[in-house]
Amino acid sequence: IRLETDAYYLILKSIQDRTFDIIVSPVHFKEIAAIEDIYERIELTVLL
């Protein structure tokens, strides 16, 4: 989990640096809306 988290942050940095485009769909927002932790839900929604 730590390795995948580190990898996620490397990918996120590349997205922020515009090396990659992250594609989002309505499925993302539907699934994220069901997350109970409000902090997690808000952070992911803002990110997407």
ModelCIF file with pLDDT and N, C-alpha, C, O atoms, coordinates in Angstrom:
data_MODEL
#
_entry.id   MODEL 
#
_entity.id                         1 
_entity.type                       polymer 
_entity.pdbx_number_of_molecules   1 
#
_entity_poly.entity_id                      1 
_entity_poly.type                           'polypeptide(L)' 
_entity_poly.nstd_linkage                   no 
_entity_poly.nstd_monomer                   no 
_entity_poly.pdbx_seq_one_letter_code       IRLETDAYYLILKSIQDRTFDIIVSPVHFKEIAAIEDIYERIELTVLL 
_entity_poly.pdbx_seq_one_letter_code_can   IRLETDAYYLILKSIQDRTFDIIVSPVHFKEIAAIEDIYERIELTVLL 
_entity_poly.pdbx_strand_id                 A 
#
loop_
_entity_poly_seq.entity_id 
_entity_poly_seq.num 
_entity_poly_seq.mon_id 
_entity_poly_seq.hetero 
1 1  ILE n 
1 2  ARG n 
1 3  LEU n 
1 4  GLU n 
1 5  THR n 
1 6  ASP n 
1 7  ALA n 
1 8  TYR n 
1 9  TYR n 
1 10 LEU n 
1 11 ILE n 
1 12 LEU n 
1 13 LYS n 
1 14 SER n 
1 15 ILE n 
1 16 GLN n 
1 17 ASP n 
1 18 ARG n 
1 19 THR n 
1 20 PHE n 
1 21 ASP n 
1 22 ILE n 
1 23 ILE n 
1 24 VAL n 
1 25 SER n 
1 26 PRO n 
1 27 VAL n 
1 28 HIS n 
1 29 PHE n 
1 30 LYS n 
1 31 GLU n 
1 32 ILE n 
1 33 ALA n 
1 34 ALA n 
1 35 ILE n 
1 36 GLU n 
1 37 ASP n 
1 38 ILE n 
1 39 TYR n 
1 40 GLU n 
1 41 ARG n 
1 42 ILE n 
1 43 GLU n 
1 44 LEU n 
1 45 THR n 
1 46 VAL n 
1 47 LEU n 
1 48 LEU n 
#
_struct_asym.id          A 
_struct_asym.entity_id   1 
#
loop_
_ma_qa_metric.id 
_ma_qa_metric.mode 
_ma_qa_metric.name 
_ma_qa_metric.software_group_id 
_ma_qa_metric.type 
1 global pLDDT . pLDDT 
2 local  pLDDT . pLDDT 
#
_ma_qa_metric_global.metric_id      1 
_ma_qa_metric_global.metric_value   97.40 
_ma_qa_metric_global.model_id       1 
_ma_qa_metric_global.ordinal_id     1 
#
loop_
_ma_qa_metric_local.label_asym_id 
_ma_qa_metric_local.label_comp_id 
_ma_qa_metric_local.label_seq_id 
_ma_qa_metric_local.metric_id 
_ma_qa_metric_local.metric_value 
_ma_qa_metric_local.model_id 
_ma_qa_metric_local.ordinal_id 
A ILE 1  2 98.00 1 1  
A ARG 2  2 98.00 1 2  
A LEU 3  2 98.00 1 3  
A GLU 4  2 98.00 1 4  
A THR 5  2 98.00 1 5  
A ASP 6  2 98.00 1 6  
A ALA 7  2 98.00 1 7  
A TYR 8  2 98.00 1 8  
A TYR 9  2 98.00 1 9  
A LEU 10 2 98.00 1 10 
A ILE 11 2 98.00 1 11 
A LEU 12 2 98.00 1 12 
A LYS 13 2 98.00 1 13 
A SER 14 2 97.00 1 14 
A ILE 15 2 98.00 1 15 
A GLN 16 2 97.00 1 16 
A ASP 17 2 96.00 1 17 
A ARG 18 2 96.00 1 18 
A THR 19 2 96.00 1 19 
A PHE 20 2 98.00 1 20 
A ASP 21 2 97.00 1 21 
A ILE 22 2 98.00 1 22 
A ILE 23 2 97.00 1 23 
A VAL 24 2 97.00 1 24 
A SER 25 2 96.00 1 25 
A PRO 26 2 95.00 1 26 
A VAL 27 2 96.00 1 27 
A HIS 28 2 97.00 1 28 
A PHE 29 2 97.00 1 29 
A LYS 30 2 97.00 1 30 
A GLU 31 2 97.00 1 31 
A ILE 32 2 98.00 1 32 
A ALA 33 2 97.00 1 33 
A ALA 34 2 97.00 1 34 
A ILE 35 2 98.00 1 35 
A GLU 36 2 97.00 1 36 
A ASP 37 2 97.00 1 37 
A ILE 38 2 97.00 1 38 
A TYR 39 2 97.00 1 39 
A GLU 40 2 98.00 1 40 
A ARG 41 2 98.00 1 41 
A ILE 42 2 98.00 1 42 
A GLU 43 2 98.00 1 43 
A LEU 44 2 98.00 1 44 
A THR 45 2 98.00 1 45 
A VAL 46 2 98.00 1 46 
A LEU 47 2 97.00 1 47 
A LEU 48 2 98.00 1 48 
#
loop_
_atom_site.group_PDB 
_atom_site.id 
_atom_site.type_symbol 
_atom_site.label_atom_id 
_atom_site.label_alt_id 
_atom_site.label_comp_id 
_atom_site.label_asym_id 
_atom_site.label_entity_id 
_atom_site.label_seq_id 
_atom_site.pdbx_PDB_ins_code 
_atom_site.Cartn_x 
_atom_site.Cartn_y 
_atom_site.Cartn_z 
_atom_site.occupancy 
_atom_site.B_iso_or_equiv 
_atom_site.pdbx_formal_charge 
_atom_site.auth_seq_id 
_atom_site.auth_comp_id 
_atom_site.auth_asym_id 
_atom_site.auth_atom_id 
_atom_site.pdbx_PDB_model_num 
ATOM 1   N N  . ILE A 1 1  ? 0.836   -1.204 0.000   1.00 98.00 ? 1  ILE A N  1 
ATOM 2   C CA . ILE A 1 1  ? 0.000   0.000  0.000   1.00 98.00 ? 1  ILE A CA 1 
ATOM 3   C C  . ILE A 1 1  ? 0.866   1.247  0.000   1.00 98.00 ? 1  ILE A C  1 
ATOM 4   O O  . ILE A 1 1  ? 0.556   2.219  -0.689  1.00 98.00 ? 1  ILE A O  1 
ATOM 5   N N  . ARG A 1 2  ? 1.957   1.227  0.774   1.00 98.00 ? 2  ARG A N  1 
ATOM 6   C CA . ARG A 1 2  ? 2.862   2.383  0.781   1.00 98.00 ? 2  ARG A CA 1 
ATOM 7   C C  . ARG A 1 2  ? 3.500   2.589  -0.593  1.00 98.00 ? 2  ARG A C  1 
ATOM 8   O O  . ARG A 1 2  ? 3.617   3.723  -1.058  1.00 98.00 ? 2  ARG A O  1 
ATOM 9   N N  . LEU A 1 3  ? 3.911   1.504  -1.242  1.00 98.00 ? 3  LEU A N  1 
ATOM 10  C CA . LEU A 1 3  ? 4.512   1.620  -2.574  1.00 98.00 ? 3  LEU A CA 1 
ATOM 11  C C  . LEU A 1 3  ? 3.509   2.164  -3.585  1.00 98.00 ? 3  LEU A C  1 
ATOM 12  O O  . LEU A 1 3  ? 3.845   3.020  -4.404  1.00 98.00 ? 3  LEU A O  1 
ATOM 13  N N  . GLU A 1 4  ? 2.275   1.663  -3.524  1.00 98.00 ? 4  GLU A N  1 
ATOM 14  C CA . GLU A 1 4  ? 1.252   2.158  -4.446  1.00 98.00 ? 4  GLU A CA 1 
ATOM 15  C C  . GLU A 1 4  ? 0.890   3.608  -4.157  1.00 98.00 ? 4  GLU A C  1 
ATOM 16  O O  . GLU A 1 4  ? 0.575   4.366  -5.074  1.00 98.00 ? 4  GLU A O  1 
ATOM 17  N N  . THR A 1 5  ? 0.933   3.995  -2.895  1.00 98.00 ? 5  THR A N  1 
ATOM 18  C CA . THR A 1 5  ? 0.684   5.390  -2.533  1.00 98.00 ? 5  THR A CA 1 
ATOM 19  C C  . THR A 1 5  ? 1.796   6.279  -3.076  1.00 98.00 ? 5  THR A C  1 
ATOM 20  O O  . THR A 1 5  ? 1.524   7.339  -3.640  1.00 98.00 ? 5  THR A O  1 
ATOM 21  N N  . ASP A 1 6  ? 3.038   5.857  -2.910  1.00 98.00 ? 6  ASP A N  1 
ATOM 22  C CA . ASP A 1 6  ? 4.160   6.623  -3.464  1.00 98.00 ? 6  ASP A CA 1 
ATOM 23  C C  . ASP A 1 6  ? 4.038   6.740  -4.985  1.00 98.00 ? 6  ASP A C  1 
ATOM 24  O O  . ASP A 1 6  ? 4.280   7.802  -5.558  1.00 98.00 ? 6  ASP A O  1 
ATOM 25  N N  . ALA A 1 7  ? 3.662   5.643  -5.621  1.00 98.00 ? 7  ALA A N  1 
ATOM 26  C CA . ALA A 1 7  ? 3.484   5.665  -7.078  1.00 98.00 ? 7  ALA A CA 1 
ATOM 27  C C  . ALA A 1 7  ? 2.363   6.633  -7.467  1.00 98.00 ? 7  ALA A C  1 
ATOM 28  O O  . ALA A 1 7  ? 2.485   7.387  -8.433  1.00 98.00 ? 7  ALA A O  1 
ATOM 29  N N  . TYR A 1 8  ? 1.278   6.600  -6.705  1.00 98.00 ? 8  TYR A N  1 
ATOM 30  C CA . TYR A 1 8  ? 0.165   7.517  -6.958  1.00 98.00 ? 8  TYR A CA 1 
ATOM 31  C C  . TYR A 1 8  ? 0.655   8.971  -6.908  1.00 98.00 ? 8  TYR A C  1 
ATOM 32  O O  . TYR A 1 8  ? 0.306   9.775  -7.772  1.00 98.00 ? 8  TYR A O  1 
ATOM 33  N N  . TYR A 1 9  ? 1.457   9.302  -5.902  1.00 98.00 ? 9  TYR A N  1 
ATOM 34  C CA . TYR A 1 9  ? 1.950   10.673 -5.792  1.00 98.00 ? 9  TYR A CA 1 
ATOM 35  C C  . TYR A 1 9  ? 2.889   11.045 -6.945  1.00 98.00 ? 9  TYR A C  1 
ATOM 36  O O  . TYR A 1 9  ? 2.900   12.199 -7.375  1.00 98.00 ? 9  TYR A O  1 
ATOM 37  N N  . LEU A 1 10 ? 3.663   10.103 -7.446  1.00 98.00 ? 10 LEU A N  1 
ATOM 38  C CA . LEU A 1 10 ? 4.497   10.371 -8.624  1.00 98.00 ? 10 LEU A CA 1 
ATOM 39  C C  . LEU A 1 10 ? 3.614   10.637 -9.843  1.00 98.00 ? 10 LEU A C  1 
ATOM 40  O O  . LEU A 1 10 ? 3.890   11.536 -10.637 1.00 98.00 ? 10 LEU A O  1 
ATOM 41  N N  . ILE A 1 11 ? 2.554   9.847  -9.981  1.00 98.00 ? 11 ILE A N  1 
ATOM 42  C CA . ILE A 1 11 ? 1.619   10.047 -11.092 1.00 98.00 ? 11 ILE A CA 1 
ATOM 43  C C  . ILE A 1 11 ? 0.926   11.400 -10.949 1.00 98.00 ? 11 ILE A C  1 
ATOM 44  O O  . ILE A 1 11 ? 0.799   12.141 -11.924 1.00 98.00 ? 11 ILE A O  1 
ATOM 45  N N  . LEU A 1 12 ? 0.481   11.721 -9.746  1.00 98.00 ? 12 LEU A N  1 
ATOM 46  C CA . LEU A 1 12 ? -0.183  13.005 -9.511  1.00 98.00 ? 12 LEU A CA 1 
ATOM 47  C C  . LEU A 1 12 ? 0.745   14.175 -9.845  1.00 98.00 ? 12 LEU A C  1 
ATOM 48  O O  . LEU A 1 12 ? 0.309   15.154 -10.451 1.00 98.00 ? 12 LEU A O  1 
ATOM 49  N N  . LYS A 1 13 ? 1.997   14.084 -9.464  1.00 98.00 ? 13 LYS A N  1 
ATOM 50  C CA . LYS A 1 13 ? 2.970   15.142 -9.787  1.00 98.00 ? 13 LYS A CA 1 
ATOM 51  C C  . LYS A 1 13 ? 3.096   15.297 -11.302 1.00 98.00 ? 13 LYS A C  1 
ATOM 52  O O  . LYS A 1 13 ? 3.178   16.415 -11.812 1.00 98.00 ? 13 LYS A O  1 
ATOM 53  N N  . SER A 1 14 ? 3.112   14.183 -12.009 1.00 97.00 ? 14 SER A N  1 
ATOM 54  C CA . SER A 1 14 ? 3.199   14.232 -13.471 1.00 97.00 ? 14 SER A CA 1 
ATOM 55  C C  . SER A 1 14 ? 1.940   14.838 -14.085 1.00 97.00 ? 14 SER A C  1 
ATOM 56  O O  . SER A 1 14 ? 2.011   15.514 -15.111 1.00 97.00 ? 14 SER A O  1 
ATOM 57  N N  . ILE A 1 15 ? 0.802   14.601 -13.467 1.00 98.00 ? 15 ILE A N  1 
ATOM 58  C CA . ILE A 1 15 ? -0.452  15.217 -13.927 1.00 98.00 ? 15 ILE A CA 1 
ATOM 59  C C  . ILE A 1 15 ? -0.380  16.729 -13.690 1.00 98.00 ? 15 ILE A C  1 
ATOM 60  O O  . ILE A 1 15 ? -0.740  17.522 -14.560 1.00 98.00 ? 15 ILE A O  1 
ATOM 61  N N  . GLN A 1 16 ? 0.086   17.113 -12.511 1.00 97.00 ? 16 GLN A N  1 
ATOM 62  C CA . GLN A 1 16 ? 0.200   18.533 -12.186 1.00 97.00 ? 16 GLN A CA 1 
ATOM 63  C C  . GLN A 1 16 ? 1.210   19.238 -13.097 1.00 97.00 ? 16 GLN A C  1 
ATOM 64  O O  . GLN A 1 16 ? 1.046   20.411 -13.432 1.00 97.00 ? 16 GLN A O  1 
ATOM 65  N N  . ASP A 1 17 ? 2.258   18.506 -13.493 1.00 96.00 ? 17 ASP A N  1 
ATOM 66  C CA . ASP A 1 17 ? 3.269   19.057 -14.408 1.00 96.00 ? 17 ASP A CA 1 
ATOM 67  C C  . ASP A 1 17 ? 2.828   18.973 -15.870 1.00 96.00 ? 17 ASP A C  1 
ATOM 68  O O  . ASP A 1 17 ? 3.570   19.371 -16.768 1.00 96.00 ? 17 ASP A O  1 
ATOM 69  N N  . ARG A 1 18 ? 1.634   18.459 -16.105 1.00 96.00 ? 18 ARG A N  1 
ATOM 70  C CA . ARG A 1 18 ? 1.039   18.334 -17.438 1.00 96.00 ? 18 ARG A CA 1 
ATOM 71  C C  . ARG A 1 18 ? 1.794   17.361 -18.345 1.00 96.00 ? 18 ARG A C  1 
ATOM 72  O O  . ARG A 1 18 ? 1.821   17.526 -19.564 1.00 96.00 ? 18 ARG A O  1 
ATOM 73  N N  . THR A 1 19 ? 2.405   16.349 -17.733 1.00 96.00 ? 19 THR A N  1 
ATOM 74  C CA . THR A 1 19 ? 3.016   15.267 -18.501 1.00 96.00 ? 19 THR A CA 1 
ATOM 75  C C  . THR A 1 19 ? 1.943   14.300 -18.978 1.00 96.00 ? 19 THR A C  1 
ATOM 76  O O  . THR A 1 19 ? 2.031   13.737 -20.069 1.00 96.00 ? 19 THR A O  1 
ATOM 77  N N  . PHE A 1 20 ? 0.925   14.118 -18.136 1.00 98.00 ? 20 PHE A N  1 
ATOM 78  C CA . PHE A 1 20 ? -0.199  13.241 -18.455 1.00 98.00 ? 20 PHE A CA 1 
ATOM 79  C C  . PHE A 1 20 ? -1.498  14.008 -18.229 1.00 98.00 ? 20 PHE A C  1 
ATOM 80  O O  . PHE A 1 20 ? -1.569  14.917 -17.403 1.00 98.00 ? 20 PHE A O  1 
ATOM 81  N N  . ASP A 1 21 ? -2.514  13.620 -18.979 1.00 97.00 ? 21 ASP A N  1 
ATOM 82  C CA . ASP A 1 21 ? -3.877  14.081 -18.714 1.00 97.00 ? 21 ASP A CA 1 
ATOM 83  C C  . ASP A 1 21 ? -4.590  12.977 -17.952 1.00 97.00 ? 21 ASP A C  1 
ATOM 84  O O  . ASP A 1 21 ? -4.496  11.807 -18.320 1.00 97.00 ? 21 ASP A O  1 
ATOM 85  N N  . ILE A 1 22 ? -5.303  13.339 -16.892 1.00 98.00 ? 22 ILE A N  1 
ATOM 86  C CA . ILE A 1 22 ? -6.123  12.367 -16.180 1.00 98.00 ? 22 ILE A CA 1 
ATOM 87  C C  . ILE A 1 22 ? -7.549  12.485 -16.706 1.00 98.00 ? 22 ILE A C  1 
ATOM 88  O O  . ILE A 1 22 ? -8.146  13.562 -16.691 1.00 98.00 ? 22 ILE A O  1 
ATOM 89  N N  . ILE A 1 23 ? -8.071  11.379 -17.163 1.00 97.00 ? 23 ILE A N  1 
ATOM 90  C CA . ILE A 1 23 ? -9.422  11.324 -17.703 1.00 97.00 ? 23 ILE A CA 1 
ATOM 91  C C  . ILE A 1 23 ? -10.384 10.994 -16.569 1.00 97.00 ? 23 ILE A C  1 
ATOM 92  O O  . ILE A 1 23 ? -10.136 10.077 -15.785 1.00 97.00 ? 23 ILE A O  1 
ATOM 93  N N  . VAL A 1 24 ? -11.466 11.730 -16.484 1.00 97.00 ? 24 VAL A N  1 
ATOM 94  C CA . VAL A 1 24 ? -12.474 11.460 -15.456 1.00 97.00 ? 24 VAL A CA 1 
ATOM 95  C C  . VAL A 1 24 ? -13.815 11.189 -16.125 1.00 97.00 ? 24 VAL A C  1 
ATOM 96  O O  . VAL A 1 24 ? -14.102 11.669 -17.221 1.00 97.00 ? 24 VAL A O  1 
ATOM 97  N N  . SER A 1 25 ? -14.613 10.412 -15.430 1.00 96.00 ? 25 SER A N  1 
ATOM 98  C CA . SER A 1 25 ? -15.932 10.049 -15.949 1.00 96.00 ? 25 SER A CA 1 
ATOM 99  C C  . SER A 1 25 ? -16.982 10.251 -14.873 1.00 96.00 ? 25 SER A C  1 
ATOM 100 O O  . SER A 1 25 ? -16.642 10.463 -13.709 1.00 96.00 ? 25 SER A O  1 
ATOM 101 N N  . PRO A 1 26 ? -18.234 10.191 -15.239 1.00 95.00 ? 26 PRO A N  1 
ATOM 102 C CA . PRO A 1 26 ? -19.295 10.278 -14.230 1.00 95.00 ? 26 PRO A CA 1 
ATOM 103 C C  . PRO A 1 26 ? -19.206 9.164  -13.182 1.00 95.00 ? 26 PRO A C  1 
ATOM 104 O O  . PRO A 1 26 ? -19.688 9.323  -12.061 1.00 95.00 ? 26 PRO A O  1 
ATOM 105 N N  . VAL A 1 27 ? -18.595 8.049  -13.550 1.00 96.00 ? 27 VAL A N  1 
ATOM 106 C CA . VAL A 1 27 ? -18.449 6.930  -12.609 1.00 96.00 ? 27 VAL A CA 1 
ATOM 107 C C  . VAL A 1 27 ? -17.563 7.339  -11.432 1.00 96.00 ? 27 VAL A C  1 
ATOM 108 O O  . VAL A 1 27 ? -17.833 6.962  -10.292 1.00 96.00 ? 27 VAL A O  1 
ATOM 109 N N  . HIS A 1 28 ? -16.514 8.104  -11.702 1.00 97.00 ? 28 HIS A N  1 
ATOM 110 C CA . HIS A 1 28 ? -15.657 8.598  -10.621 1.00 97.00 ? 28 HIS A CA 1 
ATOM 111 C C  . HIS A 1 28 ? -16.490 9.362  -9.586  1.00 97.00 ? 28 HIS A C  1 
ATOM 112 O O  . HIS A 1 28 ? -16.426 9.085  -8.388  1.00 97.00 ? 28 HIS A O  1 
ATOM 113 N N  . PHE A 1 29 ? -17.257 10.314 -10.069 1.00 97.00 ? 29 PHE A N  1 
ATOM 114 C CA . PHE A 1 29 ? -18.005 11.182 -9.161  1.00 97.00 ? 29 PHE A CA 1 
ATOM 115 C C  . PHE A 1 29 ? -19.099 10.417 -8.414  1.00 97.00 ? 29 PHE A C  1 
ATOM 116 O O  . PHE A 1 29 ? -19.387 10.718 -7.256  1.00 97.00 ? 29 PHE A O  1 
ATOM 117 N N  . LYS A 1 30 ? -19.699 9.441  -9.067  1.00 97.00 ? 30 LYS A N  1 
ATOM 118 C CA . LYS A 1 30 ? -20.722 8.615  -8.425  1.00 97.00 ? 30 LYS A CA 1 
ATOM 119 C C  . LYS A 1 30 ? -20.100 7.789  -7.292  1.00 97.00 ? 30 LYS A C  1 
ATOM 120 O O  . LYS A 1 30 ? -20.649 7.728  -6.192  1.00 97.00 ? 30 LYS A O  1 
ATOM 121 N N  . GLU A 1 31 ? -18.967 7.161  -7.563  1.00 97.00 ? 31 GLU A N  1 
ATOM 122 C CA . GLU A 1 31 ? -18.295 6.353  -6.536  1.00 97.00 ? 31 GLU A CA 1 
ATOM 123 C C  . GLU A 1 31 ? -17.775 7.221  -5.399  1.00 97.00 ? 31 GLU A C  1 
ATOM 124 O O  . GLU A 1 31 ? -17.914 6.868  -4.228  1.00 97.00 ? 31 GLU A O  1 
ATOM 125 N N  . ILE A 1 32 ? -17.185 8.338  -5.738  1.00 98.00 ? 32 ILE A N  1 
ATOM 126 C CA . ILE A 1 32 ? -16.612 9.221  -4.716  1.00 98.00 ? 32 ILE A CA 1 
ATOM 127 C C  . ILE A 1 32 ? -17.706 9.803  -3.829  1.00 98.00 ? 32 ILE A C  1 
ATOM 128 O O  . ILE A 1 32 ? -17.488 10.003 -2.634  1.00 98.00 ? 32 ILE A O  1 
ATOM 129 N N  . ALA A 1 33 ? -18.870 10.074 -4.391  1.00 97.00 ? 33 ALA A N  1 
ATOM 130 C CA . ALA A 1 33 ? -19.986 10.597 -3.597  1.00 97.00 ? 33 ALA A CA 1 
ATOM 131 C C  . ALA A 1 33 ? -20.417 9.629  -2.500  1.00 97.00 ? 33 ALA A C  1 
ATOM 132 O O  . ALA A 1 33 ? -21.019 10.043 -1.509  1.00 97.00 ? 33 ALA A O  1 
ATOM 133 N N  . ALA A 1 34 ? -20.117 8.355  -2.669  1.00 97.00 ? 34 ALA A N  1 
ATOM 134 C CA . ALA A 1 34 ? -20.508 7.341  -1.684  1.00 97.00 ? 34 ALA A CA 1 
ATOM 135 C C  . ALA A 1 34 ? -19.461 7.137  -0.586  1.00 97.00 ? 34 ALA A C  1 
ATOM 136 O O  . ALA A 1 34 ? -19.693 6.368  0.347   1.00 97.00 ? 34 ALA A O  1 
ATOM 137 N N  . ILE A 1 35 ? -18.326 7.807  -0.683  1.00 98.00 ? 35 ILE A N  1 
ATOM 138 C CA . ILE A 1 35 ? -17.280 7.668  0.343   1.00 98.00 ? 35 ILE A CA 1 
ATOM 139 C C  . ILE A 1 35 ? -17.749 8.343  1.626   1.00 98.00 ? 35 ILE A C  1 
ATOM 140 O O  . ILE A 1 35 ? -18.167 9.501  1.612   1.00 98.00 ? 35 ILE A O  1 
ATOM 141 N N  . GLU A 1 36 ? -17.678 7.621  2.717   1.00 97.00 ? 36 GLU A N  1 
ATOM 142 C CA . GLU A 1 36 ? -18.188 8.138  3.995   1.00 97.00 ? 36 GLU A CA 1 
ATOM 143 C C  . GLU A 1 36 ? -17.327 9.256  4.573   1.00 97.00 ? 36 GLU A C  1 
ATOM 144 O O  . GLU A 1 36 ? -17.859 10.226 5.112   1.00 97.00 ? 36 GLU A O  1 
ATOM 145 N N  . ASP A 1 37 ? -16.014 9.135  4.469   1.00 97.00 ? 37 ASP A N  1 
ATOM 146 C CA . ASP A 1 37 ? -15.113 10.130 5.040   1.00 97.00 ? 37 ASP A CA 1 
ATOM 147 C C  . ASP A 1 37 ? -15.222 11.422 4.231   1.00 97.00 ? 37 ASP A C  1 
ATOM 148 O O  . ASP A 1 37 ? -14.828 11.471 3.066   1.00 97.00 ? 37 ASP A O  1 
ATOM 149 N N  . ILE A 1 38 ? -15.758 12.460 4.861   1.00 97.00 ? 38 ILE A N  1 
ATOM 150 C CA . ILE A 1 38 ? -16.020 13.709 4.149   1.00 97.00 ? 38 ILE A CA 1 
ATOM 151 C C  . ILE A 1 38 ? -14.736 14.368 3.648   1.00 97.00 ? 38 ILE A C  1 
ATOM 152 O O  . ILE A 1 38 ? -14.724 14.943 2.560   1.00 97.00 ? 38 ILE A O  1 
ATOM 153 N N  . TYR A 1 39 ? -13.658 14.291 4.427   1.00 97.00 ? 39 TYR A N  1 
ATOM 154 C CA . TYR A 1 39 ? -12.384 14.877 4.013   1.00 97.00 ? 39 TYR A CA 1 
ATOM 155 C C  . TYR A 1 39 ? -11.884 14.191 2.739   1.00 97.00 ? 39 TYR A C  1 
ATOM 156 O O  . TYR A 1 39 ? -11.478 14.857 1.787   1.00 97.00 ? 39 TYR A O  1 
ATOM 157 N N  . GLU A 1 40 ? -11.918 12.875 2.732   1.00 98.00 ? 40 GLU A N  1 
ATOM 158 C CA . GLU A 1 40 ? -11.486 12.107 1.561   1.00 98.00 ? 40 GLU A CA 1 
ATOM 159 C C  . GLU A 1 40 ? -12.367 12.434 0.348   1.00 98.00 ? 40 GLU A C  1 
ATOM 160 O O  . GLU A 1 40 ? -11.866 12.652 -0.755  1.00 98.00 ? 40 GLU A O  1 
ATOM 161 N N  . ARG A 1 41 ? -13.667 12.462 0.566   1.00 98.00 ? 41 ARG A N  1 
ATOM 162 C CA . ARG A 1 41 ? -14.613 12.746 -0.514  1.00 98.00 ? 41 ARG A CA 1 
ATOM 163 C C  . ARG A 1 41 ? -14.359 14.127 -1.120  1.00 98.00 ? 41 ARG A C  1 
ATOM 164 O O  . ARG A 1 41 ? -14.324 14.270 -2.342  1.00 98.00 ? 41 ARG A O  1 
ATOM 165 N N  . ILE A 1 42 ? -14.184 15.130 -0.283  1.00 98.00 ? 42 ILE A N  1 
ATOM 166 C CA . ILE A 1 42 ? -13.953 16.492 -0.777  1.00 98.00 ? 42 ILE A CA 1 
ATOM 167 C C  . ILE A 1 42 ? -12.613 16.590 -1.490  1.00 98.00 ? 42 ILE A C  1 
ATOM 168 O O  . ILE A 1 42 ? -12.525 17.180 -2.567  1.00 98.00 ? 42 ILE A O  1 
ATOM 169 N N  . GLU A 1 43 ? -11.574 16.021 -0.901  1.00 98.00 ? 43 GLU A N  1 
ATOM 170 C CA . GLU A 1 43 ? -10.248 16.110 -1.510  1.00 98.00 ? 43 GLU A CA 1 
ATOM 171 C C  . GLU A 1 43 ? -10.227 15.460 -2.903  1.00 98.00 ? 43 GLU A C  1 
ATOM 172 O O  . GLU A 1 43 ? -9.645  16.008 -3.839  1.00 98.00 ? 43 GLU A O  1 
ATOM 173 N N  . LEU A 1 44 ? -10.854 14.309 -3.029  1.00 98.00 ? 44 LEU A N  1 
ATOM 174 C CA . LEU A 1 44 ? -10.877 13.632 -4.334  1.00 98.00 ? 44 LEU A CA 1 
ATOM 175 C C  . LEU A 1 44 ? -11.717 14.405 -5.351  1.00 98.00 ? 44 LEU A C  1 
ATOM 176 O O  . LEU A 1 44 ? -11.344 14.501 -6.521  1.00 98.00 ? 44 LEU A O  1 
ATOM 177 N N  . THR A 1 45 ? -12.827 14.944 -4.916  1.00 98.00 ? 45 THR A N  1 
ATOM 178 C CA . THR A 1 45 ? -13.673 15.725 -5.823  1.00 98.00 ? 45 THR A CA 1 
ATOM 179 C C  . THR A 1 45 ? -12.938 16.963 -6.320  1.00 98.00 ? 45 THR A C  1 
ATOM 180 O O  . THR A 1 45 ? -12.975 17.273 -7.511  1.00 98.00 ? 45 THR A O  1 
ATOM 181 N N  . VAL A 1 46 ? -12.272 17.667 -5.416  1.00 98.00 ? 46 VAL A N  1 
ATOM 182 C CA . VAL A 1 46 ? -11.504 18.860 -5.800  1.00 98.00 ? 46 VAL A CA 1 
ATOM 183 C C  . VAL A 1 46 ? -10.388 18.472 -6.772  1.00 98.00 ? 46 VAL A C  1 
ATOM 184 O O  . VAL A 1 46 ? -10.171 19.155 -7.774  1.00 98.00 ? 46 VAL A O  1 
ATOM 185 N N  . LEU A 1 47 ? -9.692  17.392 -6.482  1.00 97.00 ? 47 LEU A N  1 
ATOM 186 C CA . LEU A 1 47 ? -8.609  16.927 -7.348  1.00 97.00 ? 47 LEU A CA 1 
ATOM 187 C C  . LEU A 1 47 ? -9.109  16.643 -8.765  1.00 97.00 ? 47 LEU A C  1 
ATOM 188 O O  . LEU A 1 47 ? -8.512  17.092 -9.743  1.00 97.00 ? 47 LEU A O  1 
ATOM 189 N N  . LEU A 1 48 ? -10.207 15.896 -8.867  1.00 98.00 ? 48 LEU A N  1 
ATOM 190 C CA . LEU A 1 48 ? -10.736 15.552 -10.191 1.00 98.00 ? 48 LEU A CA 1 
ATOM 191 C C  . LEU A 1 48 ? -11.282 16.777 -10.920 1.00 98.00 ? 48 LEU A C  1 
ATOM 192 O O  . LEU A 1 48 ? -11.765 16.662 -12.047 1.00 98.00 ? 48 LEU A O  1 
#
